[in-house]
Amino acid sequence: LESLQREVDVFVIPDFVSLLSYRDAIKSAG
């Protein structure tokens, strides 16, 4: 994202069961 010419927002939509683990992994990775 830092290398791009334009600012881009990115999202992923997993299943409901995975939302909390995804939240924690994304937060941990910053």
PDB file of all heavy atoms in Angstrom:
ATOM      1  N   LEU A   1       0.819  -1.212   0.000  1.00  0.00           N
ATOM      2  CA  LEU A   1       0.000   0.000   0.000  1.00  0.00           C
ATOM      3  C   LEU A   1       0.852   1.262   0.000  1.00  0.00           C
ATOM      4  O   LEU A   1       0.503   2.270  -0.626  1.00  0.00           O
ATOM      5  CB  LEU A   1      -0.954  -0.018   1.193  1.00  0.00           C
ATOM      6  CG  LEU A   1      -2.040  -1.099   1.154  1.00  0.00           C
ATOM      7  CD1 LEU A   1      -2.915  -1.030   2.398  1.00  0.00           C
ATOM      8  CD2 LEU A   1      -2.894  -0.973  -0.095  1.00  0.00           C
ATOM      9  N   GLU A   2       1.976   1.223   0.676  1.00  0.00           N
ATOM     10  CA  GLU A   2       2.879   2.386   0.702  1.00  0.00           C
ATOM     11  C   GLU A   2       3.493   2.665  -0.664  1.00  0.00           C
ATOM     12  O   GLU A   2       3.851   3.806  -0.968  1.00  0.00           O
ATOM     13  CB  GLU A   2       3.977   2.166   1.729  1.00  0.00           C
ATOM     14  CG  GLU A   2       3.499   2.248   3.173  1.00  0.00           C
ATOM     15  CD  GLU A   2       4.615   1.972   4.161  1.00  0.00           C
ATOM     16  OE1 GLU A   2       5.767   1.765   3.706  1.00  0.00           O
ATOM     17  OE2 GLU A   2       4.344   1.946   5.376  1.00  0.00           O
ATOM     18  N   SER A   3       3.602   1.638  -1.498  1.00  0.00           N
ATOM     19  CA  SER A   3       4.249   1.791  -2.803  1.00  0.00           C
ATOM     20  C   SER A   3       3.317   2.298  -3.892  1.00  0.00           C
ATOM     21  O   SER A   3       3.769   2.634  -4.987  1.00  0.00           O
ATOM     22  CB  SER A   3       4.844   0.445  -3.240  1.00  0.00           C
ATOM     23  OG  SER A   3       3.811  -0.472  -3.608  1.00  0.00           O
ATOM     24  N   LEU A   4       2.019   2.369  -3.619  1.00  0.00           N
ATOM     25  CA  LEU A   4       1.041   2.671  -4.653  1.00  0.00           C
ATOM     26  C   LEU A   4       0.950   4.164  -4.941  1.00  0.00           C
ATOM     27  O   LEU A   4       1.205   5.005  -4.079  1.00  0.00           O
ATOM     28  CB  LEU A   4      -0.334   2.140  -4.237  1.00  0.00           C
ATOM     29  CG  LEU A   4      -0.420   0.633  -4.005  1.00  0.00           C
ATOM     30  CD1 LEU A   4      -1.823   0.251  -3.559  1.00  0.00           C
ATOM     31  CD2 LEU A   4      -0.027  -0.145  -5.247  1.00  0.00           C
ATOM     32  N   GLN A   5       0.547   4.474  -6.158  1.00  0.00           N
ATOM     33  CA  GLN A   5       0.342   5.869  -6.549  1.00  0.00           C
ATOM     34  C   GLN A   5      -0.922   6.450  -5.932  1.00  0.00           C
ATOM     35  O   GLN A   5      -0.991   7.639  -5.648  1.00  0.00           O
ATOM     36  CB  GLN A   5       0.248   5.969  -8.079  1.00  0.00           C
ATOM     37  CG  GLN A   5       1.515   5.619  -8.823  1.00  0.00           C
ATOM     38  CD  GLN A   5       1.269   5.596 -10.319  1.00  0.00           C
ATOM     39  OE1 GLN A   5       0.557   4.751 -10.855  1.00  0.00           O
ATOM     40  NE2 GLN A   5       1.860   6.552 -11.009  1.00  0.00           N
ATOM     41  N   ARG A   6      -1.919   5.632  -5.776  1.00  0.00           N
ATOM     42  CA  ARG A   6      -3.191   6.060  -5.214  1.00  0.00           C
ATOM     43  C   ARG A   6      -3.429   5.385  -3.879  1.00  0.00           C
ATOM     44  O   ARG A   6      -3.036   4.238  -3.672  1.00  0.00           O
ATOM     45  CB  ARG A   6      -4.343   5.679  -6.168  1.00  0.00           C
ATOM     46  CG  ARG A   6      -4.319   6.401  -7.502  1.00  0.00           C
ATOM     47  CD  ARG A   6      -4.707   7.855  -7.319  1.00  0.00           C
ATOM     48  NE  ARG A   6      -6.044   7.985  -6.764  1.00  0.00           N
ATOM     49  CZ  ARG A   6      -7.132   8.200  -7.494  1.00  0.00           C
ATOM     50  NH1 ARG A   6      -7.056   8.301  -8.796  1.00  0.00           N
ATOM     51  NH2 ARG A   6      -8.308   8.326  -6.907  1.00  0.00           N
ATOM     52  N   GLU A   7      -4.099   6.093  -2.960  1.00  0.00           N
ATOM     53  CA  GLU A   7      -4.448   5.503  -1.677  1.00  0.00           C
ATOM     54  C   GLU A   7      -5.598   4.507  -1.862  1.00  0.00           C
ATOM     55  O   GLU A   7      -6.597   4.812  -2.510  1.00  0.00           O
ATOM     56  CB  GLU A   7      -4.843   6.593  -0.684  1.00  0.00           C
ATOM     57  CG  GLU A   7      -3.686   7.498  -0.289  1.00  0.00           C
ATOM     58  CD  GLU A   7      -4.084   8.526   0.745  1.00  0.00           C
ATOM     59  OE1 GLU A   7      -5.190   9.104   0.588  1.00  0.00           O
ATOM     60  OE2 GLU A   7      -3.312   8.752   1.696  1.00  0.00           O
ATOM     61  N   VAL A   8      -5.425   3.340  -1.295  1.00  0.00           N
ATOM     62  CA  VAL A   8      -6.401   2.264  -1.462  1.00  0.00           C
ATOM     63  C   VAL A   8      -6.777   1.697  -0.097  1.00  0.00           C
ATOM     64  O   VAL A   8      -5.901   1.381   0.712  1.00  0.00           O
ATOM     65  CB  VAL A   8      -5.840   1.133  -2.346  1.00  0.00           C
ATOM     66  CG1 VAL A   8      -6.867   0.007  -2.492  1.00  0.00           C
ATOM     67  CG2 VAL A   8      -5.437   1.655  -3.718  1.00  0.00           C
ATOM     68  N   ASP A   9      -8.064   1.554   0.150  1.00  0.00           N
ATOM     69  CA  ASP A   9      -8.560   0.820   1.313  1.00  0.00           C
ATOM     70  C   ASP A   9      -8.805  -0.618   0.888  1.00  0.00           C
ATOM     71  O   ASP A   9      -9.307  -0.881  -0.210  1.00  0.00           O
ATOM     72  CB  ASP A   9      -9.869   1.432   1.827  1.00  0.00           C
ATOM     73  CG  ASP A   9      -9.677   2.819   2.416  1.00  0.00           C
ATOM     74  OD1 ASP A   9      -8.588   3.090   2.950  1.00  0.00           O
ATOM     75  OD2 ASP A   9     -10.613   3.637   2.324  1.00  0.00           O
ATOM     76  N   VAL A  10      -8.463  -1.549   1.766  1.00  0.00           N
ATOM     77  CA  VAL A  10      -8.571  -2.967   1.449  1.00  0.00           C
ATOM     78  C   VAL A  10      -9.389  -3.663   2.535  1.00  0.00           C
ATOM     79  O   VAL A  10      -9.210  -3.396   3.723  1.00  0.00           O
ATOM     80  CB  VAL A  10      -7.170  -3.618   1.351  1.00  0.00           C
ATOM     81  CG1 VAL A  10      -7.296  -5.101   1.015  1.00  0.00           C
ATOM     82  CG2 VAL A  10      -6.313  -2.901   0.312  1.00  0.00           C
ATOM     83  N   PHE A  11     -10.284  -4.558   2.116  1.00  0.00           N
ATOM     84  CA  PHE A  11     -11.065  -5.314   3.095  1.00  0.00           C
ATOM     85  C   PHE A  11     -11.171  -6.772   2.682  1.00  0.00           C
ATOM     86  O   PHE A  11     -11.047  -7.121   1.499  1.00  0.00           O
ATOM     87  CB  PHE A  11     -12.465  -4.712   3.283  1.00  0.00           C
ATOM     88  CG  PHE A  11     -13.362  -4.779   2.068  1.00  0.00           C
ATOM     89  CD1 PHE A  11     -14.211  -5.858   1.865  1.00  0.00           C
ATOM     90  CD2 PHE A  11     -13.369  -3.749   1.136  1.00  0.00           C
ATOM     91  CE1 PHE A  11     -15.045  -5.919   0.762  1.00  0.00           C
ATOM     92  CE2 PHE A  11     -14.198  -3.807   0.016  1.00  0.00           C
ATOM     93  CZ  PHE A  11     -15.043  -4.890  -0.165  1.00  0.00           C
ATOM     94  N   VAL A  12     -11.386  -7.625   3.673  1.00  0.00           N
ATOM     95  CA  VAL A  12     -11.655  -9.046   3.448  1.00  0.00           C
ATOM     96  C   VAL A  12     -12.926  -9.402   4.194  1.00  0.00           C
ATOM     97  O   VAL A  12     -13.207  -8.874   5.262  1.00  0.00           O
ATOM     98  CB  VAL A  12     -10.495  -9.948   3.911  1.00  0.00           C
ATOM     99  CG1 VAL A  12      -9.278  -9.751   3.035  1.00  0.00           C
ATOM    100  CG2 VAL A  12     -10.151  -9.707   5.369  1.00  0.00           C
ATOM    101  N   ILE A  13     -13.703 -10.316   3.601  1.00  0.00           N
ATOM    102  CA  ILE A  13     -14.943 -10.760   4.227  1.00  0.00           C
ATOM    103  C   ILE A  13     -14.900 -12.274   4.385  1.00  0.00           C
ATOM    104  O   ILE A  13     -15.268 -13.027   3.472  1.00  0.00           O
ATOM    105  CB  ILE A  13     -16.177 -10.341   3.400  1.00  0.00           C
ATOM    106  CG1 ILE A  13     -16.174  -8.829   3.137  1.00  0.00           C
ATOM    107  CG2 ILE A  13     -17.449 -10.744   4.119  1.00  0.00           C
ATOM    108  CD1 ILE A  13     -17.400  -8.329   2.393  1.00  0.00           C
ATOM    109  N   PRO A  14     -14.445 -12.752   5.537  1.00  0.00           N
ATOM    110  CA  PRO A  14     -14.424 -14.192   5.787  1.00  0.00           C
ATOM    111  C   PRO A  14     -15.783 -14.668   6.298  1.00  0.00           C
ATOM    112  O   PRO A  14     -16.761 -13.906   6.303  1.00  0.00           O
ATOM    113  CB  PRO A  14     -13.352 -14.320   6.870  1.00  0.00           C
ATOM    114  CG  PRO A  14     -13.509 -13.050   7.662  1.00  0.00           C
ATOM    115  CD  PRO A  14     -13.896 -11.982   6.658  1.00  0.00           C
ATOM    116  N   ASP A  15     -15.850 -15.915   6.752  1.00  0.00           N
ATOM    117  CA  ASP A  15     -17.066 -16.413   7.379  1.00  0.00           C
ATOM    118  C   ASP A  15     -17.210 -15.817   8.786  1.00  0.00           C
ATOM    119  O   ASP A  15     -16.252 -15.273   9.346  1.00  0.00           O
ATOM    120  CB  ASP A  15     -17.034 -17.943   7.463  1.00  0.00           C
ATOM    121  CG  ASP A  15     -15.854 -18.427   8.288  1.00  0.00           C
ATOM    122  OD1 ASP A  15     -15.992 -18.534   9.515  1.00  0.00           O
ATOM    123  OD2 ASP A  15     -14.786 -18.671   7.703  1.00  0.00           O
ATOM    124  N   PHE A  16     -18.387 -15.925   9.368  1.00  0.00           N
ATOM    125  CA  PHE A  16     -18.639 -15.352  10.693  1.00  0.00           C
ATOM    126  C   PHE A  16     -17.744 -15.964  11.767  1.00  0.00           C
ATOM    127  O   PHE A  16     -17.301 -15.274  12.683  1.00  0.00           O
ATOM    128  CB  PHE A  16     -20.107 -15.538  11.088  1.00  0.00           C
ATOM    129  CG  PHE A  16     -21.061 -14.669  10.328  1.00  0.00           C
ATOM    130  CD1 PHE A  16     -22.038 -15.241   9.521  1.00  0.00           C
ATOM    131  CD2 PHE A  16     -21.005 -13.291  10.416  1.00  0.00           C
ATOM    132  CE1 PHE A  16     -22.931 -14.452   8.818  1.00  0.00           C
ATOM    133  CE2 PHE A  16     -21.886 -12.491   9.717  1.00  0.00           C
ATOM    134  CZ  PHE A  16     -22.859 -13.073   8.915  1.00  0.00           C
ATOM    135  N   VAL A  17     -17.485 -17.278  11.671  1.00  0.00           N
ATOM    136  CA  VAL A  17     -16.701 -17.965  12.698  1.00  0.00           C
ATOM    137  C   VAL A  17     -15.302 -17.384  12.810  1.00  0.00           C
ATOM    138  O   VAL A  17     -14.711 -17.365  13.897  1.00  0.00           O
ATOM    139  CB  VAL A  17     -16.644 -19.478  12.390  1.00  0.00           C
ATOM    140  CG1 VAL A  17     -15.728 -20.204  13.362  1.00  0.00           C
ATOM    141  CG2 VAL A  17     -18.042 -20.085  12.439  1.00  0.00           C
ATOM    142  N   SER A  18     -14.775 -16.869  11.700  1.00  0.00           N
ATOM    143  CA  SER A  18     -13.385 -16.403  11.662  1.00  0.00           C
ATOM    144  C   SER A  18     -13.207 -14.933  12.002  1.00  0.00           C
ATOM    145  O   SER A  18     -12.071 -14.448  12.056  1.00  0.00           O
ATOM    146  CB  SER A  18     -12.800 -16.668  10.266  1.00  0.00           C
ATOM    147  OG  SER A  18     -12.870 -18.030   9.944  1.00  0.00           O
ATOM    148  N   LEU A  19     -14.287 -14.209  12.240  1.00  0.00           N
ATOM    149  CA  LEU A  19     -14.169 -12.763  12.417  1.00  0.00           C
ATOM    150  C   LEU A  19     -13.263 -12.380  13.585  1.00  0.00           C
ATOM    151  O   LEU A  19     -12.407 -11.496  13.460  1.00  0.00           O
ATOM    152  CB  LEU A  19     -15.557 -12.137  12.603  1.00  0.00           C
ATOM    153  CG  LEU A  19     -16.418 -12.044  11.342  1.00  0.00           C
ATOM    154  CD1 LEU A  19     -17.815 -11.533  11.693  1.00  0.00           C
ATOM    155  CD2 LEU A  19     -15.773 -11.132  10.299  1.00  0.00           C
ATOM    156  N   LEU A  20     -13.432 -13.004  14.738  1.00  0.00           N
ATOM    157  CA  LEU A  20     -12.644 -12.608  15.903  1.00  0.00           C
ATOM    158  C   LEU A  20     -11.170 -12.954  15.735  1.00  0.00           C
ATOM    159  O   LEU A  20     -10.297 -12.158  16.110  1.00  0.00           O
ATOM    160  CB  LEU A  20     -13.210 -13.258  17.166  1.00  0.00           C
ATOM    161  CG  LEU A  20     -14.574 -12.742  17.609  1.00  0.00           C
ATOM    162  CD1 LEU A  20     -15.034 -13.480  18.866  1.00  0.00           C
ATOM    163  CD2 LEU A  20     -14.540 -11.240  17.874  1.00  0.00           C
ATOM    164  N   SER A  21     -10.873 -14.113  15.171  1.00  0.00           N
ATOM    165  CA  SER A  21      -9.466 -14.460  14.958  1.00  0.00           C
ATOM    166  C   SER A  21      -8.840 -13.536  13.923  1.00  0.00           C
ATOM    167  O   SER A  21      -7.674 -13.151  14.047  1.00  0.00           O
ATOM    168  CB  SER A  21      -9.329 -15.927  14.527  1.00  0.00           C
ATOM    169  OG  SER A  21      -9.968 -16.166  13.294  1.00  0.00           O
ATOM    170  N   TYR A  22      -9.601 -13.146  12.931  1.00  0.00           N
ATOM    171  CA  TYR A  22      -9.101 -12.180  11.944  1.00  0.00           C
ATOM    172  C   TYR A  22      -8.856 -10.826  12.592  1.00  0.00           C
ATOM    173  O   TYR A  22      -7.835 -10.183  12.345  1.00  0.00           O
ATOM    174  CB  TYR A  22     -10.114 -12.054  10.794  1.00  0.00           C
ATOM    175  CG  TYR A  22      -9.757 -12.858   9.578  1.00  0.00           C
ATOM    176  CD1 TYR A  22      -9.367 -14.193   9.694  1.00  0.00           C
ATOM    177  CD2 TYR A  22      -9.818 -12.316   8.308  1.00  0.00           C
ATOM    178  CE1 TYR A  22      -9.044 -14.941   8.571  1.00  0.00           C
ATOM    179  CE2 TYR A  22      -9.496 -13.052   7.178  1.00  0.00           C
ATOM    180  CZ  TYR A  22      -9.104 -14.365   7.322  1.00  0.00           C
ATOM    181  OH  TYR A  22      -8.777 -15.099   6.203  1.00  0.00           O
ATOM    182  N   ARG A  23      -9.801 -10.395  13.395  1.00  0.00           N
ATOM    183  CA  ARG A  23      -9.625  -9.111  14.085  1.00  0.00           C
ATOM    184  C   ARG A  23      -8.335  -9.105  14.890  1.00  0.00           C
ATOM    185  O   ARG A  23      -7.546  -8.149  14.821  1.00  0.00           O
ATOM    186  CB  ARG A  23     -10.809  -8.846  15.011  1.00  0.00           C
ATOM    187  CG  ARG A  23     -10.695  -7.551  15.819  1.00  0.00           C
ATOM    188  CD  ARG A  23     -11.658  -7.534  16.985  1.00  0.00           C
ATOM    189  NE  ARG A  23     -11.349  -8.576  17.970  1.00  0.00           N
ATOM    190  CZ  ARG A  23     -12.086  -8.822  19.051  1.00  0.00           C
ATOM    191  NH1 ARG A  23     -13.181  -8.122  19.276  1.00  0.00           N
ATOM    192  NH2 ARG A  23     -11.733  -9.778  19.890  1.00  0.00           N
ATOM    193  N   ASP A  24      -8.100 -10.166  15.639  1.00  0.00           N
ATOM    194  CA  ASP A  24      -6.918 -10.227  16.496  1.00  0.00           C
ATOM    195  C   ASP A  24      -5.633 -10.289  15.678  1.00  0.00           C
ATOM    196  O   ASP A  24      -4.636  -9.640  16.021  1.00  0.00           O
ATOM    197  CB  ASP A  24      -7.008 -11.431  17.428  1.00  0.00           C
ATOM    198  CG  ASP A  24      -8.148 -11.310  18.436  1.00  0.00           C
ATOM    199  OD1 ASP A  24      -8.655 -10.194  18.618  1.00  0.00           O
ATOM    200  OD2 ASP A  24      -8.529 -12.345  19.019  1.00  0.00           O
ATOM    201  N   ALA A  25      -5.641 -11.048  14.586  1.00  0.00           N
ATOM    202  CA  ALA A  25      -4.448 -11.163  13.749  1.00  0.00           C
ATOM    203  C   ALA A  25      -4.121  -9.836  13.062  1.00  0.00           C
ATOM    204  O   ALA A  25      -2.951  -9.439  12.975  1.00  0.00           O
ATOM    205  CB  ALA A  25      -4.640 -12.264  12.717  1.00  0.00           C
ATOM    206  N   ILE A  26      -5.155  -9.154  12.577  1.00  0.00           N
ATOM    207  CA  ILE A  26      -4.947  -7.861  11.918  1.00  0.00           C
ATOM    208  C   ILE A  26      -4.408  -6.834  12.910  1.00  0.00           C
ATOM    209  O   ILE A  26      -3.474  -6.076  12.612  1.00  0.00           O
ATOM    210  CB  ILE A  26      -6.261  -7.370  11.283  1.00  0.00           C
ATOM    211  CG1 ILE A  26      -6.652  -8.278  10.107  1.00  0.00           C
ATOM    212  CG2 ILE A  26      -6.146  -5.922  10.824  1.00  0.00           C
ATOM    213  CD1 ILE A  26      -8.061  -8.054   9.604  1.00  0.00           C
ATOM    214  N   LYS A  27      -4.982  -6.818  14.111  1.00  0.00           N
ATOM    215  CA  LYS A  27      -4.521  -5.888  15.144  1.00  0.00           C
ATOM    216  C   LYS A  27      -3.092  -6.194  15.554  1.00  0.00           C
ATOM    217  O   LYS A  27      -2.263  -5.284  15.700  1.00  0.00           O
ATOM    218  CB  LYS A  27      -5.449  -5.972  16.358  1.00  0.00           C
ATOM    219  CG  LYS A  27      -5.093  -4.995  17.469  1.00  0.00           C
ATOM    220  CD  LYS A  27      -6.095  -5.096  18.620  1.00  0.00           C
ATOM    221  CE  LYS A  27      -5.746  -4.121  19.734  1.00  0.00           C
ATOM    222  NZ  LYS A  27      -6.725  -4.210  20.861  1.00  0.00           N
ATOM    223  N   SER A  28      -2.764  -7.465  15.721  1.00  0.00           N
ATOM    224  CA  SER A  28      -1.421  -7.861  16.125  1.00  0.00           C
ATOM    225  C   SER A  28      -0.387  -7.475  15.074  1.00  0.00           C
ATOM    226  O   SER A  28       0.724  -7.046  15.401  1.00  0.00           O
ATOM    227  CB  SER A  28      -1.374  -9.368  16.368  1.00  0.00           C
ATOM    228  OG  SER A  28      -0.078  -9.795  16.714  1.00  0.00           O
ATOM    229  N   ALA A  29      -0.753  -7.600  13.794  1.00  0.00           N
ATOM    230  CA  ALA A  29       0.169  -7.276  12.709  1.00  0.00           C
ATOM    231  C   ALA A  29       0.228  -5.779  12.424  1.00  0.00           C
ATOM    232  O   ALA A  29       1.142  -5.314  11.731  1.00  0.00           O
ATOM    233  CB  ALA A  29      -0.247  -8.022  11.443  1.00  0.00           C
ATOM    234  N   GLY A  30      -0.733  -5.023  12.959  1.00  0.00           N
ATOM    235  CA  GLY A  30      -0.791  -3.591  12.659  1.00  0.00           C
ATOM    236  C   GLY A  30      -1.005  -3.327  11.179  1.00  0.00           C
ATOM    237  O   GLY A  30      -0.523  -2.330  10.637  1.00  0.00           O
TER     238      GLY A  30
END
